[in-house]
Structure formats: structure tokens, C-alpha cells
C-alpha atoms as a PDB file:
ATOM      1  CA  MET A   1      80.485 117.128 103.853  1.00  0.00           C
ATOM      2  CA  HIS A   2      78.536 115.059 102.418  1.00  0.00           C
ATOM      3  CA  VAL A   3      78.295 111.837 101.535  1.00  0.00           C
ATOM      4  CA  MET A   4      76.712 109.383  99.427  1.00  0.00           C
ATOM      5  CA  GLU A   5      76.326 105.277  99.879  1.00  0.00           C
ATOM      6  CA  ARG A   6      75.995 102.561  97.858  1.00  0.00           C
ATOM      7  CA  LEU A   7      76.287  99.171  97.950  1.00  0.00           C
ATOM      8  CA  GLN A   8      78.791  97.376  94.923  1.00  0.00           C
ATOM      9  CA  ASP A   9      79.484  94.129  94.966  1.00  0.00           C
ATOM     10  CA  GLY A  10      78.474  93.088  98.819  1.00  0.00           C
ATOM     11  CA  VAL A  11      80.925  96.230  99.852  1.00  0.00           C
ATOM     12  CA  LEU A  12      79.731  99.619 100.680  1.00  0.00           C
ATOM     13  CA  VAL A  13      80.792 102.466  98.781  1.00  0.00           C
ATOM     14  CA  LEU A  14      81.481 106.144 100.638  1.00  0.00           C
ATOM     15  CA  MET A  15      81.234 108.928  98.827  1.00  0.00           C
ATOM     16  CA  ILE A  16      82.555 111.625 100.200  1.00  0.00           C
ATOM     17  CA  ALA A  17      82.428 115.391  98.740  1.00  0.00           C
ATOM     18  CA  GLY A  18      83.992 119.095 100.647  1.00  0.00           C
ATOM     19  CA  ARG A  19      85.744 119.285 103.513  1.00  0.00           C
ATOM     20  CA  LEU A  20      86.414 117.010 106.461  1.00  0.00           C
ATOM     21  CA  SER A  21      87.195 118.953 109.365  1.00  0.00           C
ATOM     22  CA  PHE A  22      86.491 118.570 113.374  1.00  0.00           C
ATOM     23  CA  TYR A  23      82.594 119.931 112.868  1.00  0.00           C
ATOM     24  CA  SER A  24      82.117 117.111 110.198  1.00  0.00           C
ATOM     25  CA  ARG A  25      83.050 114.376 112.684  1.00  0.00           C
ATOM     26  CA  LYS A  26      79.211 113.532 113.970  1.00  0.00           C
ATOM     27  CA  VAL A  27      77.737 113.185 110.004  1.00  0.00           C
ATOM     28  CA  PHE A  28      81.030 110.959 109.787  1.00  0.00           C
ATOM     29  CA  GLN A  29      80.682 108.428 112.853  1.00  0.00           C
ATOM     30  CA  ALA A  30      76.760 108.619 112.153  1.00  0.00           C
ATOM     31  CA  VAL A  31      78.265 107.202 108.460  1.00  0.00           C
ATOM     32  CA  ILE A  32      80.806 104.250 110.400  1.00  0.00           C
ATOM     33  CA  ARG A  33      77.701 103.370 112.473  1.00  0.00           C
ATOM     34  CA  ASN A  34      75.364 103.142 109.761  1.00  0.00           C
ATOM     35  CA  ALA A  35      77.732 101.329 107.718  1.00  0.00           C
ATOM     36  CA  GLU A  36      78.643  98.776 111.038  1.00  0.00           C
ATOM     37  CA  THR A  37      75.108  97.592 110.846  1.00  0.00           C
ATOM     38  CA  THR A  38      75.021  96.652 106.614  1.00  0.00           C
ATOM     39  CA  ARG A  39      77.173  93.661 107.741  1.00  0.00           C
ATOM     40  CA  VAL A  40      79.709  94.238 104.817  1.00  0.00           C
ATOM     41  CA  HIS A  41      83.002  93.249 105.275  1.00  0.00           C
ATOM     42  CA  HIS A  42      84.630  96.412 103.518  1.00  0.00           C
ATOM     43  CA  ILE A  43      83.984 100.177 103.057  1.00  0.00           C
ATOM     44  CA  ILE A  44      85.728 102.079 100.249  1.00  0.00           C
ATOM     45  CA  VAL A  45      85.901 105.935 101.066  1.00  0.00           C
ATOM     46  CA  ASN A  46      85.738 107.521  97.590  1.00  0.00           C
ATOM     47  CA  MET A  47      87.048 110.643  98.939  1.00  0.00           C
ATOM     48  CA  ARG A  48      87.833 112.212  94.620  1.00  0.00           C
ATOM     49  CA  ASP A  49      85.458 115.092  95.721  1.00  0.00           C
ATOM     50  CA  VAL A  50      87.002 116.274  99.217  1.00  0.00           C
ATOM     51  CA  THR A  51      88.714 119.703  99.226  1.00  0.00           C
ATOM     52  CA  ALA A  52      90.475 119.938 102.009  1.00  0.00           C
ATOM     53  CA  MET A  53      90.965 117.361 105.268  1.00  0.00           C
ATOM     54  CA  ASP A  54      91.928 118.803 109.038  1.00  0.00           C
ATOM     55  CA  SER A  55      94.224 116.891 111.599  1.00  0.00           C
ATOM     56  CA  SER A  56      90.632 115.987 113.042  1.00  0.00           C
ATOM     57  CA  ALA A  57      89.629 113.717 109.956  1.00  0.00           C
ATOM     58  CA  LEU A  58      93.061 111.531 110.210  1.00  0.00           C
ATOM     59  CA  GLY A  59      91.611 111.145 114.191  1.00  0.00           C
ATOM     60  CA  PHE A  60      88.197 110.029 112.249  1.00  0.00           C
ATOM     61  CA  PHE A  61      89.959 107.388 109.964  1.00  0.00           C
ATOM     62  CA  ALA A  62      91.833 105.594 112.682  1.00  0.00           C
ATOM     63  CA  LEU A  63      88.938 105.728 115.229  1.00  0.00           C
ATOM     64  CA  ALA A  64      86.854 104.222 111.903  1.00  0.00           C
ATOM     65  CA  HIS A  65      89.656 101.809 111.540  1.00  0.00           C
ATOM     66  CA  LEU A  66      89.991 100.169 114.838  1.00  0.00           C
ATOM     67  CA  THR A  67      86.028  99.891 115.255  1.00  0.00           C
ATOM     68  CA  LEU A  68      85.633  98.486 111.618  1.00  0.00           C
ATOM     69  CA  ALA A  69      88.501  95.972 112.657  1.00  0.00           C
ATOM     70  CA  GLU A  70      86.822  94.611 115.515  1.00  0.00           C
ATOM     71  CA  LYS A  71      83.288  93.923 113.366  1.00  0.00           C
ATOM     72  CA  HIS A  72      86.370  92.503 110.760  1.00  0.00           C
ATOM     73  CA  VAL A  73      85.189  94.954 108.576  1.00  0.00           C
ATOM     74  CA  GLY A  74      87.940  96.630 106.367  1.00  0.00           C
ATOM     75  CA  ILE A  75      88.566 100.506 104.981  1.00  0.00           C
ATOM     76  CA  SER A  76      89.940 101.560 101.827  1.00  0.00           C
ATOM     77  CA  LEU A  77      90.271 105.016 100.784  1.00  0.00           C
ATOM     78  CA  VAL A  78      90.515 106.138  96.768  1.00  0.00           C
ATOM     79  CA  ALA A  79      91.597 108.150  94.875  1.00  0.00           C
ATOM     80  CA  PRO A  80      92.268 111.428  97.245  1.00  0.00           C
ATOM     81  CA  PRO A  81      93.112 115.053  96.060  1.00  0.00           C
ATOM     82  CA  THR A  82      97.429 115.117  95.705  1.00  0.00           C
ATOM     83  CA  HIS A  83      97.523 117.582  98.555  1.00  0.00           C
ATOM     84  CA  ILE A  84      95.433 115.451 100.507  1.00  0.00           C
ATOM     85  CA  LYS A  85      97.265 112.473  99.647  1.00  0.00           C
ATOM     86  CA  LYS A  86     100.304 114.150 100.418  1.00  0.00           C
ATOM     87  CA  ILE A  87      98.991 114.544 103.993  1.00  0.00           C
ATOM     88  CA  LEU A  88      97.955 110.846 104.631  1.00  0.00           C
ATOM     89  CA  VAL A  89     101.521 109.431 103.137  1.00  0.00           C
ATOM     90  CA  ASP A  90     102.957 111.937 105.782  1.00  0.00           C
ATOM     91  CA  ALA A  91     101.085 110.772 108.479  1.00  0.00           C
ATOM     92  CA  ASN A  92     102.599 107.037 107.832  1.00  0.00           C
ATOM     93  CA  PHE A  93      98.621 106.782 107.657  1.00  0.00           C
ATOM     94  CA  THR A  94      98.922 104.150 104.828  1.00  0.00           C
ATOM     95  CA  GLN A  95      99.929 101.956 107.225  1.00  0.00           C
ATOM     96  CA  LEU A  96      96.851 101.937 108.677  1.00  0.00           C
ATOM     97  CA  ILE A  97      94.610 102.174 105.813  1.00  0.00           C
ATOM     98  CA  PRO A  98      95.673 101.444 102.095  1.00  0.00           C
ATOM     99  CA  ILE A  99      94.891 104.093  99.565  1.00  0.00           C
ATOM    100  CA  TYR A 100      94.038 102.842  96.057  1.00  0.00           C
ATOM    101  CA  GLU A 101      93.963 105.140  92.761  1.00  0.00           C
ATOM    102  CA  THR A 102      90.292 103.394  91.909  1.00  0.00           C
ATOM    103  CA  GLU A 103      87.502 101.479  93.309  1.00  0.00           C
ATOM    104  CA  THR A 104      88.076  99.159  90.195  1.00  0.00           C
ATOM    105  CA  GLN A 105      91.685  97.707  92.390  1.00  0.00           C
ATOM    106  CA  VAL A 106      89.860  97.705  95.802  1.00  0.00           C
ATOM    107  CA  LEU A 107      87.245  95.546  94.351  1.00  0.00           C
ATOM    108  CA  ALA A 108      89.925  93.306  92.244  1.00  0.00           C
ATOM    109  CA  GLU A 109      91.999  92.538  95.190  1.00  0.00           C
ATOM    110  CA  ARG A 110      89.139  91.863  98.100  1.00  0.00           C
ATOM    111  CA  ALA A 111      88.002  89.448  94.837  1.00  0.00           C
ATOM    112  CA  PHE A 112      91.812  88.052  94.881  1.00  0.00           C
ATOM    113  CA  ILE A 113      92.145  87.856  98.030  1.00  0.00           C
ATOM    114  CA  LEU A 114      88.548  86.116  99.053  1.00  0.00           C
ATOM    115  CA  GLY A 115      89.120  83.683  95.615  1.00  0.00           C
ATOM    116  CA  SER A 116      92.697  82.731  97.362  1.00  0.00           C
ATOM    117  CA  ALA A 117      91.298  82.164 100.493  1.00  0.00           C
ATOM    118  CA  THR A 118      88.551  79.117  99.356  1.00  0.00           C
END
């Protein structure tokens, strides 16, 4: 698994490539820990280049959601490949972490929510 990070409009975007598996857990956990310290209010996980995902990756995302929610940081998944999106939908993961087709959709929704909160 490879991870690239960038900040965009106060949102941390994680570009993940490769296989998400039990063996990539330490990298993923470190990325989430680092994300917590950046003081962003939302994290986008762009999964466009993820090639495979095992059941332990579902656990990583669930744990990340719980950990981040305690700190009032949201998380969204973007552009998972069809076979991975099916796994997420079949596991009812969309009830926990929303899935979007593009980063722009997440940013637009966040702007709307933040705008309506004032």
C-alpha cells in the first residue's frame, strides 16, 4: 500500500494505491494518527488506485471512523473500484462511512453543510 497526502480546502486527502490488507495496517494506522494531529475536520480517502482489499481493511476503516469521530473529524471514501465498492456496500459500510464518486462531491457537500450551519 502506498499513501500520498495533500491538504485541500482544509480537508486532508489521502490517495491510497495498492492492496489494503492486514499487512498494511501499520501504515494505515500511522496515517490516521498523523491525520488526527493536522487539525482538519474531514479526511477524504481516495481509493481510485486500490487494487484489492481484505476483511481486515474493513476493520481499519471502522476503527478509523470511531477514532476520528471522537475528535469530531469526519471521513469519506472516494472512487473505490467496482469490486471494492461492492464489498463495502455488501458489508453495509455506507451506513458508517459515506462513499462518493469524486472528491469534488465531498467538498461541495461539506461546503453546503458548513454554509448552512452559520
